[in-house]
Structure formats: structure tokens, C-alpha cells
Amino acid sequence: MYDLGEKIRMFRTARGLTQTQFANKLNLSKSSISKYESGQKFPTLETLINIAAFLQTSLDELVGLEKGATISVKGLTSSQMEIINSLLIEFRSDKKLKKIVMTPLQKDIFDNMLIEFLSLDDRSK
């Protein structure tokens, strides 16, 4: 099932915006953004159009009509979601990966990912 709230959150956090900052940019309340992202409330069509325009994405992609995969972040911690967002941003960047050597940013992301996911193993014991 498609989760509009997750998609809005993914786009917002990929741009480094808090819910408050995002709400201010769209002339909405932080609580509206929070409710959209948690699935407690659905934006009107006009609001969806404004969100898509601000996020520089198509309405189709925002509401899940564009062909392609969606990554669910349900059950992940906020630090894990930040790592996933960092990876997505890095892979979507204009840089073409022509060599096998990792950039310093890719190394940092990879290190953070290892630390986060290894700490999960420690918590499950």
C-alpha cells in the first residue's frame, strides 16, 4: 500500500527541512504537516499541488502514480531514515560514479550506516 505521508516526509527531509520550516514555506501549520506525514489527515488537492511544486516534483510522483519503486521507512529510527535519505541524495546526484573509490561523503554515510545498524544488533541481544 502507498503511504503519502512517508513520501512527503522523504521529500521534506531530503531537502533538510524541519516540519516547521516546511509548513512556513507552504503557509501551513506545523500540525498540518505532522498530520499529513503521520496519515492522520490528507491534504486537499490544492495543498498537494503546492507541496509538489515546492518540492520540485510531479504530483504523480508525490501521490505514487509515477512508475517506480517506493521505499518504506516504517519501523526505522530517525537516524536510520537520515542515513537512507543521505544515500538517496548521493545516488541521485549528478555525479557519475566512474571509479570504485568512495568519496569522503560516501565513506561518512557508509560509516554512519554501519554504526547505526551494528548498534541495532547490540540492542536485540
PDB file of N, CA and C in Angstrom:
ATOM      1  N   MET A   1       0.836  -1.182   0.000  1.00  0.00           N
ATOM      2  CA  MET A   1       0.000   0.000   0.000  1.00  0.00           C
ATOM      3  C   MET A   1       0.883   1.248   0.000  1.00  0.00           C
ATOM      4  N   TYR A   2       0.465   2.276  -0.681  1.00  0.00           N
ATOM      5  CA  TYR A   2       1.222   3.513  -0.808  1.00  0.00           C
ATOM      6  C   TYR A   2       0.985   4.396   0.414  1.00  0.00           C
ATOM      7  N   ASP A   3       2.030   5.031   0.904  1.00  0.00           N
ATOM      8  CA  ASP A   3       1.921   5.911   2.062  1.00  0.00           C
ATOM      9  C   ASP A   3       2.328   7.327   1.664  1.00  0.00           C
ATOM     10  N   LEU A   4       1.339   8.177   1.422  1.00  0.00           N
ATOM     11  CA  LEU A   4       1.588   9.558   1.025  1.00  0.00           C
ATOM     12  C   LEU A   4       2.407  10.289   2.078  1.00  0.00           C
ATOM     13  N   GLY A   5       2.091  10.063   3.342  1.00  0.00           N
ATOM     14  CA  GLY A   5       2.813  10.731   4.421  1.00  0.00           C
ATOM     15  C   GLY A   5       4.303  10.426   4.394  1.00  0.00           C
ATOM     16  N   GLU A   6       4.644   9.169   4.155  1.00  0.00           N
ATOM     17  CA  GLU A   6       6.062   8.791   4.062  1.00  0.00           C
ATOM     18  C   GLU A   6       6.736   9.504   2.903  1.00  0.00           C
ATOM     19  N   LYS A   7       6.021   9.617   1.801  1.00  0.00           N
ATOM     20  CA  LYS A   7       6.588  10.268   0.615  1.00  0.00           C
ATOM     21  C   LYS A   7       6.830  11.755   0.887  1.00  0.00           C
ATOM     22  N   ILE A   8       5.867  12.420   1.521  1.00  0.00           N
ATOM     23  CA  ILE A   8       6.037  13.835   1.863  1.00  0.00           C
ATOM     24  C   ILE A   8       7.227  13.995   2.809  1.00  0.00           C
ATOM     25  N   ARG A   9       7.294  13.138   3.832  1.00  0.00           N
ATOM     26  CA  ARG A   9       8.405  13.198   4.795  1.00  0.00           C
ATOM     27  C   ARG A   9       9.743  12.975   4.090  1.00  0.00           C
ATOM     28  N   MET A  10       9.786  12.003   3.189  1.00  0.00           N
ATOM     29  CA  MET A  10      11.031  11.703   2.484  1.00  0.00           C
ATOM     30  C   MET A  10      11.517  12.917   1.689  1.00  0.00           C
ATOM     31  N   PHE A  11      10.605  13.543   0.940  1.00  0.00           N
ATOM     32  CA  PHE A  11      10.977  14.721   0.154  1.00  0.00           C
ATOM     33  C   PHE A  11      11.404  15.874   1.065  1.00  0.00           C
ATOM     34  N   ARG A  12      10.660  16.070   2.164  1.00  0.00           N
ATOM     35  CA  ARG A  12      10.961  17.176   3.080  1.00  0.00           C
ATOM     36  C   ARG A  12      12.336  17.001   3.714  1.00  0.00           C
ATOM     37  N   THR A  13      12.588  15.810   4.251  1.00  0.00           N
ATOM     38  CA  THR A  13      13.865  15.588   4.939  1.00  0.00           C
ATOM     39  C   THR A  13      15.037  15.553   3.961  1.00  0.00           C
ATOM     40  N   ALA A  14      14.787  15.110   2.734  1.00  0.00           N
ATOM     41  CA  ALA A  14      15.850  15.113   1.728  1.00  0.00           C
ATOM     42  C   ALA A  14      16.311  16.542   1.430  1.00  0.00           C
ATOM     43  N   ARG A  15      15.429  17.491   1.668  1.00  0.00           N
ATOM     44  CA  ARG A  15      15.777  18.899   1.458  1.00  0.00           C
ATOM     45  C   ARG A  15      16.241  19.565   2.748  1.00  0.00           C
ATOM     46  N   GLY A  16      16.365  18.776   3.800  1.00  0.00           N
ATOM     47  CA  GLY A  16      16.897  19.286   5.061  1.00  0.00           C
ATOM     48  C   GLY A  16      15.960  20.219   5.804  1.00  0.00           C
ATOM     49  N   LEU A  17      14.665  20.067   5.598  1.00  0.00           N
ATOM     50  CA  LEU A  17      13.691  20.943   6.243  1.00  0.00           C
ATOM     51  C   LEU A  17      13.023  20.257   7.426  1.00  0.00           C
ATOM     52  N   THR A  18      12.822  21.021   8.495  1.00  0.00           N
ATOM     53  CA  THR A  18      12.015  20.530   9.609  1.00  0.00           C
ATOM     54  C   THR A  18      10.547  20.678   9.216  1.00  0.00           C
ATOM     55  N   GLN A  19       9.665  20.072   9.990  1.00  0.00           N
ATOM     56  CA  GLN A  19       8.241  20.236   9.707  1.00  0.00           C
ATOM     57  C   GLN A  19       7.838  21.705   9.820  1.00  0.00           C
ATOM     58  N   THR A  20       8.396  22.405  10.787  1.00  0.00           N
ATOM     59  CA  THR A  20       8.074  23.823  10.974  1.00  0.00           C
ATOM     60  C   THR A  20       8.532  24.649   9.778  1.00  0.00           C
ATOM     61  N   GLN A  21       9.756  24.437   9.329  1.00  0.00           N
ATOM     62  CA  GLN A  21      10.268  25.174   8.174  1.00  0.00           C
ATOM     63  C   GLN A  21       9.426  24.894   6.932  1.00  0.00           C
ATOM     64  N   PHE A  22       9.097  23.617   6.731  1.00  0.00           N
ATOM     65  CA  PHE A  22       8.301  23.206   5.579  1.00  0.00           C
ATOM     66  C   PHE A  22       6.924  23.860   5.635  1.00  0.00           C
ATOM     67  N   ALA A  23       6.307  23.824   6.814  1.00  0.00           N
ATOM     68  CA  ALA A  23       4.983  24.423   6.999  1.00  0.00           C
ATOM     69  C   ALA A  23       5.025  25.921   6.697  1.00  0.00           C
ATOM     70  N   ASN A  24       6.049  26.604   7.191  1.00  0.00           N
ATOM     71  CA  ASN A  24       6.173  28.045   6.948  1.00  0.00           C
ATOM     72  C   ASN A  24       6.303  28.356   5.465  1.00  0.00           C
ATOM     73  N   LYS A  25       7.060  27.544   4.738  1.00  0.00           N
ATOM     74  CA  LYS A  25       7.244  27.762   3.299  1.00  0.00           C
ATOM     75  C   LYS A  25       5.925  27.617   2.539  1.00  0.00           C
ATOM     76  N   LEU A  26       5.039  26.762   3.069  1.00  0.00           N
ATOM     77  CA  LEU A  26       3.775  26.486   2.393  1.00  0.00           C
ATOM     78  C   LEU A  26       2.585  27.243   3.002  1.00  0.00           C
ATOM     79  N   ASN A  27       2.875  28.113   3.989  1.00  0.00           N
ATOM     80  CA  ASN A  27       1.818  28.835   4.704  1.00  0.00           C
ATOM     81  C   ASN A  27       0.807  27.883   5.342  1.00  0.00           C
ATOM     82  N   LEU A  28       1.328  26.830   5.946  1.00  0.00           N
ATOM     83  CA  LEU A  28       0.507  25.853   6.656  1.00  0.00           C
ATOM     84  C   LEU A  28       0.980  25.792   8.110  1.00  0.00           C
ATOM     85  N   SER A  29       0.233  25.102   8.945  1.00  0.00           N
ATOM     86  CA  SER A  29       0.677  24.923  10.327  1.00  0.00           C
ATOM     87  C   SER A  29       1.571  23.687  10.413  1.00  0.00           C
ATOM     88  N   LYS A  30       2.452  23.687  11.412  1.00  0.00           N
ATOM     89  CA  LYS A  30       3.308  22.523  11.634  1.00  0.00           C
ATOM     90  C   LYS A  30       2.441  21.306  11.930  1.00  0.00           C
ATOM     91  N   SER A  31       1.338  21.520  12.646  1.00  0.00           N
ATOM     92  CA  SER A  31       0.478  20.383  12.985  1.00  0.00           C
ATOM     93  C   SER A  31      -0.155  19.763  11.738  1.00  0.00           C
ATOM     94  N   SER A  32      -0.444  20.583  10.716  1.00  0.00           N
ATOM     95  CA  SER A  32      -0.980  20.021   9.459  1.00  0.00           C
ATOM     96  C   SER A  32       0.061  19.123   8.805  1.00  0.00           C
ATOM     97  N   ILE A  33       1.303  19.609   8.739  1.00  0.00           N
ATOM     98  CA  ILE A  33       2.376  18.807   8.139  1.00  0.00           C
ATOM     99  C   ILE A  33       2.541  17.510   8.918  1.00  0.00           C
ATOM    100  N   SER A  34       2.543  17.603  10.236  1.00  0.00           N
ATOM    101  CA  SER A  34       2.678  16.417  11.090  1.00  0.00           C
ATOM    102  C   SER A  34       1.552  15.414  10.820  1.00  0.00           C
ATOM    103  N   LYS A  35       0.336  15.920  10.702  1.00  0.00           N
ATOM    104  CA  LYS A  35      -0.812  15.037  10.437  1.00  0.00           C
ATOM    105  C   LYS A  35      -0.756  14.426   9.040  1.00  0.00           C
ATOM    106  N   TYR A  36      -0.276  15.195   8.047  1.00  0.00           N
ATOM    107  CA  TYR A  36      -0.125  14.638   6.697  1.00  0.00           C
ATOM    108  C   TYR A  36       0.890  13.494   6.728  1.00  0.00           C
ATOM    109  N   GLU A  37       2.023  13.741   7.388  1.00  0.00           N
ATOM    110  CA  GLU A  37       3.092  12.745   7.395  1.00  0.00           C
ATOM    111  C   GLU A  37       2.733  11.506   8.201  1.00  0.00           C
ATOM    112  N   SER A  38       1.901  11.659   9.217  1.00  0.00           N
ATOM    113  CA  SER A  38       1.508  10.508  10.038  1.00  0.00           C
ATOM    114  C   SER A  38       0.276   9.795   9.488  1.00  0.00           C
ATOM    115  N   GLY A  39      -0.341  10.371   8.450  1.00  0.00           N
ATOM    116  CA  GLY A  39      -1.527   9.748   7.858  1.00  0.00           C
ATOM    117  C   GLY A  39      -2.810  10.042   8.606  1.00  0.00           C
ATOM    118  N   GLN A  40      -2.765  10.963   9.569  1.00  0.00           N
ATOM    119  CA  GLN A  40      -3.972  11.315  10.318  1.00  0.00           C
ATOM    120  C   GLN A  40      -4.889  12.233   9.521  1.00  0.00           C
ATOM    121  N   LYS A  41      -4.320  12.904   8.540  1.00  0.00           N
ATOM    122  CA  LYS A  41      -5.068  13.866   7.733  1.00  0.00           C
ATOM    123  C   LYS A  41      -4.498  13.839   6.313  1.00  0.00           C
ATOM    124  N   PHE A  42      -5.357  14.061   5.327  1.00  0.00           N
ATOM    125  CA  PHE A  42      -4.899  14.109   3.948  1.00  0.00           C
ATOM    126  C   PHE A  42      -5.026  15.534   3.409  1.00  0.00           C
ATOM    127  N   PRO A  43      -3.989  15.996   2.697  1.00  0.00           N
ATOM    128  CA  PRO A  43      -4.060  17.353   2.149  1.00  0.00           C
ATOM    129  C   PRO A  43      -5.097  17.456   1.044  1.00  0.00           C
ATOM    130  N   THR A  44      -5.618  18.667   0.881  1.00  0.00           N
ATOM    131  CA  THR A  44      -6.538  18.925  -0.235  1.00  0.00           C
ATOM    132  C   THR A  44      -5.739  18.851  -1.535  1.00  0.00           C
ATOM    133  N   LEU A  45      -6.447  18.792  -2.635  1.00  0.00           N
ATOM    134  CA  LEU A  45      -5.780  18.766  -3.936  1.00  0.00           C
ATOM    135  C   LEU A  45      -4.929  20.020  -4.122  1.00  0.00           C
ATOM    136  N   GLU A  46      -5.467  21.173  -3.745  1.00  0.00           N
ATOM    137  CA  GLU A  46      -4.714  22.424  -3.876  1.00  0.00           C
ATOM    138  C   GLU A  46      -3.423  22.371  -3.045  1.00  0.00           C
ATOM    139  N   THR A  47      -3.513  21.838  -1.837  1.00  0.00           N
ATOM    140  CA  THR A  47      -2.329  21.724  -0.984  1.00  0.00           C
ATOM    141  C   THR A  47      -1.338  20.735  -1.579  1.00  0.00           C
ATOM    142  N   LEU A  48      -1.820  19.613  -2.112  1.00  0.00           N
ATOM    143  CA  LEU A  48      -0.930  18.645  -2.758  1.00  0.00           C
ATOM    144  C   LEU A  48      -0.180  19.283  -3.929  1.00  0.00           C
ATOM    145  N   ILE A  49      -0.878  20.065  -4.702  1.00  0.00           N
ATOM    146  CA  ILE A  49      -0.250  20.748  -5.838  1.00  0.00           C
ATOM    147  C   ILE A  49       0.830  21.700  -5.342  1.00  0.00           C
ATOM    148  N   ASN A  50       0.531  22.447  -4.285  1.00  0.00           N
ATOM    149  CA  ASN A  50       1.513  23.375  -3.715  1.00  0.00           C
ATOM    150  C   ASN A  50       2.727  22.632  -3.149  1.00  0.00           C
ATOM    151  N   ILE A  51       2.482  21.500  -2.490  1.00  0.00           N
ATOM    152  CA  ILE A  51       3.578  20.698  -1.937  1.00  0.00           C
ATOM    153  C   ILE A  51       4.468  20.187  -3.077  1.00  0.00           C
ATOM    154  N   ALA A  52       3.845  19.621  -4.104  1.00  0.00           N
ATOM    155  CA  ALA A  52       4.612  19.089  -5.241  1.00  0.00           C
ATOM    156  C   ALA A  52       5.416  20.198  -5.919  1.00  0.00           C
ATOM    157  N   ALA A  53       4.806  21.360  -6.088  1.00  0.00           N
ATOM    158  CA  ALA A  53       5.513  22.474  -6.733  1.00  0.00           C
ATOM    159  C   ALA A  53       6.696  22.920  -5.882  1.00  0.00           C
ATOM    160  N   PHE A  54       6.476  23.060  -4.581  1.00  0.00           N
ATOM    161  CA  PHE A  54       7.569  23.488  -3.704  1.00  0.00           C
ATOM    162  C   PHE A  54       8.702  22.468  -3.686  1.00  0.00           C
ATOM    163  N   LEU A  55       8.348  21.179  -3.679  1.00  0.00           N
ATOM    164  CA  LEU A  55       9.358  20.122  -3.623  1.00  0.00           C
ATOM    165  C   LEU A  55       9.983  19.832  -4.995  1.00  0.00           C
ATOM    166  N   GLN A  56       9.515  20.542  -6.004  1.00  0.00           N
ATOM    167  CA  GLN A  56      10.019  20.386  -7.370  1.00  0.00           C
ATOM    168  C   GLN A  56       9.912  18.938  -7.849  1.00  0.00           C
ATOM    169  N   THR A  57       8.737  18.388  -7.645  1.00  0.00           N
ATOM    170  CA  THR A  57       8.446  17.039  -8.111  1.00  0.00           C
ATOM    171  C   THR A  57       7.079  17.047  -8.767  1.00  0.00           C
ATOM    172  N   SER A  58       6.780  16.000  -9.489  1.00  0.00           N
ATOM    173  CA  SER A  58       5.458  15.926 -10.120  1.00  0.00           C
ATOM    174  C   SER A  58       4.425  15.484  -9.091  1.00  0.00           C
ATOM    175  N   LEU A  59       3.206  15.876  -9.336  1.00  0.00           N
ATOM    176  CA  LEU A  59       2.107  15.431  -8.486  1.00  0.00           C
ATOM    177  C   LEU A  59       1.977  13.918  -8.576  1.00  0.00           C
ATOM    178  N   ASP A  60       2.193  13.372  -9.766  1.00  0.00           N
ATOM    179  CA  ASP A  60       2.140  11.916  -9.946  1.00  0.00           C
ATOM    180  C   ASP A  60       3.141  11.211  -9.036  1.00  0.00           C
ATOM    181  N   GLU A  61       4.367  11.726  -8.993  1.00  0.00           N
ATOM    182  CA  GLU A  61       5.372  11.086  -8.145  1.00  0.00           C
ATOM    183  C   GLU A  61       5.005  11.223  -6.678  1.00  0.00           C
ATOM    184  N   LEU A  62       4.507  12.394  -6.298  1.00  0.00           N
ATOM    185  CA  LEU A  62       4.155  12.622  -4.903  1.00  0.00           C
ATOM    186  C   LEU A  62       3.051  11.684  -4.433  1.00  0.00           C
ATOM    187  N   VAL A  63       2.051  11.452  -5.275  1.00  0.00           N
ATOM    188  CA  VAL A  63       0.931  10.605  -4.853  1.00  0.00           C
ATOM    189  C   VAL A  63       1.082   9.147  -5.270  1.00  0.00           C
ATOM    190  N   GLY A  64       2.229   8.798  -5.844  1.00  0.00           N
ATOM    191  CA  GLY A  64       2.509   7.393  -6.122  1.00  0.00           C
ATOM    192  C   GLY A  64       2.031   6.866  -7.449  1.00  0.00           C
ATOM    193  N   LEU A  65       1.713   7.743  -8.393  1.00  0.00           N
ATOM    194  CA  LEU A  65       1.243   7.272  -9.697  1.00  0.00           C
ATOM    195  C   LEU A  65       2.372   7.064 -10.687  1.00  0.00           C
ATOM    196  N   GLU A  66       3.521   7.672 -10.412  1.00  0.00           N
ATOM    197  CA  GLU A  66       4.665   7.513 -11.300  1.00  0.00           C
ATOM    198  C   GLU A  66       5.227   6.112 -11.139  1.00  0.00           C
ATOM    199  N   LYS A  67       5.573   5.512 -12.250  1.00  0.00           N
ATOM    200  CA  LYS A  67       6.142   4.173 -12.176  1.00  0.00           C
ATOM    201  C   LYS A  67       7.491   4.235 -11.492  1.00  0.00           C
ATOM    202  N   GLY A  68       7.731   3.283 -10.662  1.00  0.00           N
ATOM    203  CA  GLY A  68       8.990   3.254  -9.933  1.00  0.00           C
ATOM    204  C   GLY A  68       8.749   2.687  -8.547  1.00  0.00           C
ATOM    205  N   ALA A  69       9.810   2.516  -7.843  1.00  0.00           N
ATOM    206  CA  ALA A  69       9.721   1.903  -6.524  1.00  0.00           C
ATOM    207  C   ALA A  69       9.611   2.975  -5.450  1.00  0.00           C
ATOM    208  N   THR A  70       8.923   2.619  -4.382  1.00  0.00           N
ATOM    209  CA  THR A  70       8.841   3.460  -3.200  1.00  0.00           C
ATOM    210  C   THR A  70       9.519   2.718  -2.075  1.00  0.00           C
ATOM    211  N   ILE A  71      10.290   3.433  -1.298  1.00  0.00           N
ATOM    212  CA  ILE A  71      10.979   2.822  -0.166  1.00  0.00           C
ATOM    213  C   ILE A  71      10.186   3.129   1.093  1.00  0.00           C
ATOM    214  N   SER A  72       9.762   2.108   1.799  1.00  0.00           N
ATOM    215  CA  SER A  72       9.052   2.302   3.050  1.00  0.00           C
ATOM    216  C   SER A  72      10.055   2.451   4.182  1.00  0.00           C
ATOM    217  N   VAL A  73       9.838   3.461   5.023  1.00  0.00           N
ATOM    218  CA  VAL A  73      10.725   3.683   6.155  1.00  0.00           C
ATOM    219  C   VAL A  73      10.030   3.360   7.482  1.00  0.00           C
ATOM    220  N   LYS A  74       8.890   2.715   7.390  1.00  0.00           N
ATOM    221  CA  LYS A  74       8.180   2.329   8.614  1.00  0.00           C
ATOM    222  C   LYS A  74       9.063   1.440   9.468  1.00  0.00           C
ATOM    223  N   GLY A  75       9.087   1.728  10.756  1.00  0.00           N
ATOM    224  CA  GLY A  75       9.851   0.917  11.683  1.00  0.00           C
ATOM    225  C   GLY A  75      11.307   1.330  11.816  1.00  0.00           C
ATOM    226  N   LEU A  76      11.759   2.292  11.016  1.00  0.00           N
ATOM    227  CA  LEU A  76      13.140   2.748  11.119  1.00  0.00           C
ATOM    228  C   LEU A  76      13.223   3.910  12.104  1.00  0.00           C
ATOM    229  N   THR A  77      14.365   4.038  12.744  1.00  0.00           N
ATOM    230  CA  THR A  77      14.591   5.169  13.634  1.00  0.00           C
ATOM    231  C   THR A  77      14.857   6.415  12.799  1.00  0.00           C
ATOM    232  N   SER A  78      14.796   7.582  13.438  1.00  0.00           N
ATOM    233  CA  SER A  78      15.056   8.819  12.699  1.00  0.00           C
ATOM    234  C   SER A  78      16.488   8.852  12.171  1.00  0.00           C
ATOM    235  N   SER A  79      17.443   8.313  12.933  1.00  0.00           N
ATOM    236  CA  SER A  79      18.829   8.309  12.432  1.00  0.00           C
ATOM    237  C   SER A  79      18.974   7.361  11.247  1.00  0.00           C
ATOM    238  N   GLN A  80      18.250   6.251  11.240  1.00  0.00           N
ATOM    239  CA  GLN A  80      18.289   5.336  10.099  1.00  0.00           C
ATOM    240  C   GLN A  80      17.663   5.998   8.868  1.00  0.00           C
ATOM    241  N   MET A  81      16.564   6.754   9.075  1.00  0.00           N
ATOM    242  CA  MET A  81      15.929   7.444   7.951  1.00  0.00           C
ATOM    243  C   MET A  81      16.859   8.515   7.390  1.00  0.00           C
ATOM    244  N   GLU A  82      17.599   9.200   8.259  1.00  0.00           N
ATOM    245  CA  GLU A  82      18.562  10.198   7.789  1.00  0.00           C
ATOM    246  C   GLU A  82      19.634   9.539   6.922  1.00  0.00           C
ATOM    247  N   ILE A  83      20.087   8.350   7.326  1.00  0.00           N
ATOM    248  CA  ILE A  83      21.095   7.628   6.555  1.00  0.00           C
ATOM    249  C   ILE A  83      20.538   7.247   5.182  1.00  0.00           C
ATOM    250  N   ILE A  84      19.319   6.715   5.176  1.00  0.00           N
ATOM    251  CA  ILE A  84      18.678   6.334   3.909  1.00  0.00           C
ATOM    252  C   ILE A  84      18.522   7.561   3.011  1.00  0.00           C
ATOM    253  N   ASN A  85      18.072   8.686   3.587  1.00  0.00           N
ATOM    254  CA  ASN A  85      17.923   9.917   2.804  1.00  0.00           C
ATOM    255  C   ASN A  85      19.260  10.378   2.248  1.00  0.00           C
ATOM    256  N   SER A  86      20.307  10.287   3.052  1.00  0.00           N
ATOM    257  CA  SER A  86      21.645  10.673   2.582  1.00  0.00           C
ATOM    258  C   SER A  86      22.074   9.803   1.404  1.00  0.00           C
ATOM    259  N   LEU A  87      21.801   8.510   1.512  1.00  0.00           N
ATOM    260  CA  LEU A  87      22.140   7.604   0.407  1.00  0.00           C
ATOM    261  C   LEU A  87      21.355   7.954  -0.852  1.00  0.00           C
ATOM    262  N   LEU A  88      20.062   8.213  -0.697  1.00  0.00           N
ATOM    263  CA  LEU A  88      19.234   8.557  -1.849  1.00  0.00           C
ATOM    264  C   LEU A  88      19.730   9.830  -2.517  1.00  0.00           C
ATOM    265  N   ILE A  89      20.039  10.836  -1.712  1.00  0.00           N
ATOM    266  CA  ILE A  89      20.542  12.090  -2.263  1.00  0.00           C
ATOM    267  C   ILE A  89      21.855  11.855  -3.003  1.00  0.00           C
ATOM    268  N   GLU A  90      22.734  11.076  -2.399  1.00  0.00           N
ATOM    269  CA  GLU A  90      24.040  10.810  -3.015  1.00  0.00           C
ATOM    270  C   GLU A  90      23.876  10.051  -4.338  1.00  0.00           C
ATOM    271  N   PHE A  91      22.995   9.046  -4.358  1.00  0.00           N
ATOM    272  CA  PHE A  91      22.816   8.273  -5.586  1.00  0.00           C
ATOM    273  C   PHE A  91      22.094   9.073  -6.670  1.00  0.00           C
ATOM    274  N   ARG A  92      21.273  10.046  -6.259  1.00  0.00           N
ATOM    275  CA  ARG A  92      20.558  10.861  -7.237  1.00  0.00           C
ATOM    276  C   ARG A  92      21.370  12.046  -7.723  1.00  0.00           C
ATOM    277  N   SER A  93      22.513  12.277  -7.131  1.00  0.00           N
ATOM    278  CA  SER A  93      23.310  13.442  -7.513  1.00  0.00           C
ATOM    279  C   SER A  93      23.759  13.315  -8.965  1.00  0.00           C
ATOM    280  N   ASP A  94      24.131  14.440  -9.525  1.00  0.00           N
ATOM    281  CA  ASP A  94      24.551  14.473 -10.930  1.00  0.00           C
ATOM    282  C   ASP A  94      25.884  13.792 -11.171  1.00  0.00           C
ATOM    283  N   LYS A  95      26.605  13.524 -10.101  1.00  0.00           N
ATOM    284  CA  LYS A  95      27.914  12.891 -10.257  1.00  0.00           C
ATOM    285  C   LYS A  95      27.748  11.489 -10.828  1.00  0.00           C
ATOM    286  N   LYS A  96      28.545  11.173 -11.766  1.00  0.00           N
ATOM    287  CA  LYS A  96      28.549   9.821 -12.312  1.00  0.00           C
ATOM    288  C   LYS A  96      29.651   9.037 -11.614  1.00  0.00           C
ATOM    289  N   LEU A  97      29.298   7.898 -11.100  1.00  0.00           N
ATOM    290  CA  LEU A  97      30.282   7.086 -10.393  1.00  0.00           C
ATOM    291  C   LEU A  97      31.113   6.324 -11.415  1.00  0.00           C
ATOM    292  N   LYS A  98      32.275   6.874 -11.745  1.00  0.00           N
ATOM    293  CA  LYS A  98      33.122   6.277 -12.771  1.00  0.00           C
ATOM    294  C   LYS A  98      34.244   5.462 -12.174  1.00  0.00           C
ATOM    295  N   LYS A  99      34.441   5.599 -10.886  1.00  0.00           N
ATOM    296  CA  LYS A  99      35.520   4.846 -10.259  1.00  0.00           C
ATOM    297  C   LYS A  99      34.982   4.111  -9.043  1.00  0.00           C
ATOM    298  N   ILE A 100      35.711   3.146  -8.594  1.00  0.00           N
ATOM    299  CA  ILE A 100      35.272   2.308  -7.493  1.00  0.00           C
ATOM    300  C   ILE A 100      35.542   2.977  -6.141  1.00  0.00           C
ATOM    301  N   VAL A 101      36.441   3.933  -6.096  1.00  0.00           N
ATOM    302  CA  VAL A 101      36.818   4.591  -4.851  1.00  0.00           C
ATOM    303  C   VAL A 101      35.648   5.433  -4.345  1.00  0.00           C
ATOM    304  N   MET A 102      35.380   5.342  -3.023  1.00  0.00           N
ATOM    305  CA  MET A 102      34.310   6.124  -2.433  1.00  0.00           C
ATOM    306  C   MET A 102      34.779   7.548  -2.163  1.00  0.00           C
ATOM    307  N   THR A 103      33.851   8.489  -2.318  1.00  0.00           N
ATOM    308  CA  THR A 103      34.137   9.875  -1.964  1.00  0.00           C
ATOM    309  C   THR A 103      34.129   9.982  -0.436  1.00  0.00           C
ATOM    310  N   PRO A 104      34.692  11.049   0.120  1.00  0.00           N
ATOM    311  CA  PRO A 104      34.636  11.226   1.581  1.00  0.00           C
ATOM    312  C   PRO A 104      33.200  11.235   2.117  1.00  0.00           C
ATOM    313  N   LEU A 105      32.277  11.858   1.377  1.00  0.00           N
ATOM    314  CA  LEU A 105      30.882  11.871   1.810  1.00  0.00           C
ATOM    315  C   LEU A 105      30.306  10.462   1.814  1.00  0.00           C
ATOM    316  N   GLN A 106      30.587   9.680   0.776  1.00  0.00           N
ATOM    317  CA  GLN A 106      30.093   8.300   0.720  1.00  0.00           C
ATOM    318  C   GLN A 106      30.672   7.478   1.871  1.00  0.00           C
ATOM    319  N   LYS A 107      31.942   7.704   2.204  1.00  0.00           N
ATOM    320  CA  LYS A 107      32.555   6.998   3.336  1.00  0.00           C
ATOM    321  C   LYS A 107      31.872   7.362   4.645  1.00  0.00           C
ATOM    322  N   ASP A 108      31.571   8.657   4.835  1.00  0.00           N
ATOM    323  CA  ASP A 108      30.881   9.090   6.047  1.00  0.00           C
ATOM    324  C   ASP A 108      29.497   8.448   6.153  1.00  0.00           C
ATOM    325  N   ILE A 109      28.767   8.441   5.044  1.00  0.00           N
ATOM    326  CA  ILE A 109      27.436   7.829   5.040  1.00  0.00           C
ATOM    327  C   ILE A 109      27.544   6.340   5.374  1.00  0.00           C
ATOM    328  N   PHE A 110      28.488   5.667   4.755  1.00  0.00           N
ATOM    329  CA  PHE A 110      28.683   4.241   4.987  1.00  0.00           C
ATOM    330  C   PHE A 110      29.069   3.978   6.443  1.00  0.00           C
ATOM    331  N   ASP A 111      29.977   4.797   6.990  1.00  0.00           N
ATOM    332  CA  ASP A 111      30.373   4.644   8.399  1.00  0.00           C
ATOM    333  C   ASP A 111      29.176   4.826   9.324  1.00  0.00           C
ATOM    334  N   ASN A 112      28.368   5.864   9.070  1.00  0.00           N
ATOM    335  CA  ASN A 112      27.181   6.106   9.899  1.00  0.00           C
ATOM    336  C   ASN A 112      26.192   4.955   9.800  1.00  0.00           C
ATOM    337  N   MET A 113      26.062   4.409   8.602  1.00  0.00           N
ATOM    338  CA  MET A 113      25.155   3.284   8.406  1.00  0.00           C
ATOM    339  C   MET A 113      25.630   2.073   9.203  1.00  0.00           C
ATOM    340  N   LEU A 114      26.910   1.784   9.131  1.00  0.00           N
ATOM    341  CA  LEU A 114      27.451   0.653   9.894  1.00  0.00           C
ATOM    342  C   LEU A 114      27.262   0.836  11.395  1.00  0.00           C
ATOM    343  N   ILE A 115      27.581   2.016  11.889  1.00  0.00           N
ATOM    344  CA  ILE A 115      27.432   2.285  13.321  1.00  0.00           C
ATOM    345  C   ILE A 115      25.985   2.104  13.745  1.00  0.00           C
ATOM    346  N   GLU A 116      25.062   2.667  12.985  1.00  0.00           N
ATOM    347  CA  GLU A 116      23.645   2.593  13.338  1.00  0.00           C
ATOM    348  C   GLU A 116      23.129   1.155  13.317  1.00  0.00           C
ATOM    349  N   PHE A 117      23.425   0.437  12.254  1.00  0.00           N
ATOM    350  CA  PHE A 117      22.876  -0.903  12.131  1.00  0.00           C
ATOM    351  C   PHE A 117      23.590  -1.908  13.032  1.00  0.00           C
ATOM    352  N   LEU A 118      24.857  -1.684  13.339  1.00  0.00           N
ATOM    353  CA  LEU A 118      25.541  -2.554  14.306  1.00  0.00           C
ATOM    354  C   LEU A 118      25.031  -2.313  15.719  1.00  0.00           C
ATOM    355  N   SER A 119      24.631  -1.068  16.007  1.00  0.00           N
ATOM    356  CA  SER A 119      24.077  -0.791  17.337  1.00  0.00           C
ATOM    357  C   SER A 119      22.728  -1.471  17.503  1.00  0.00           C
ATOM    358  N   LEU A 120      22.010  -1.708  16.406  1.00  0.00           N
ATOM    359  CA  LEU A 120      20.743  -2.454  16.476  1.00  0.00           C
ATOM    360  C   LEU A 120      20.991  -3.883  16.925  1.00  0.00           C
ATOM    361  N   ASP A 121      22.084  -4.492  16.428  1.00  0.00           N
ATOM    362  CA  ASP A 121      22.423  -5.853  16.836  1.00  0.00           C
ATOM    363  C   ASP A 121      22.674  -5.922  18.328  1.00  0.00           C
ATOM    364  N   ASP A 122      23.341  -4.915  18.878  1.00  0.00           N
ATOM    365  CA  ASP A 122      23.618  -4.866  20.305  1.00  0.00           C
ATOM    366  C   ASP A 122      22.334  -4.756  21.119  1.00  0.00           C
ATOM    367  N   ARG A 123      21.358  -3.997  20.632  1.00  0.00           N
ATOM    368  CA  ARG A 123      20.090  -3.801  21.345  1.00  0.00           C
ATOM    369  C   ARG A 123      19.224  -5.043  21.325  1.00  0.00           C
ATOM    370  N   SER A 124      19.374  -5.877  20.295  1.00  0.00           N
ATOM    371  CA  SER A 124      18.500  -7.057  20.166  1.00  0.00           C
ATOM    372  C   SER A 124      18.994  -8.242  20.996  1.00  0.00           C
ATOM    373  N   LYS A 125      20.162  -8.123  21.594  1.00  0.00           N
ATOM    374  CA  LYS A 125      20.710  -9.230  22.393  1.00  0.00           C
ATOM    375  C   LYS A 125      20.255  -9.155  23.816  1.00  0.00           C
TER     376      LYS A 125
END
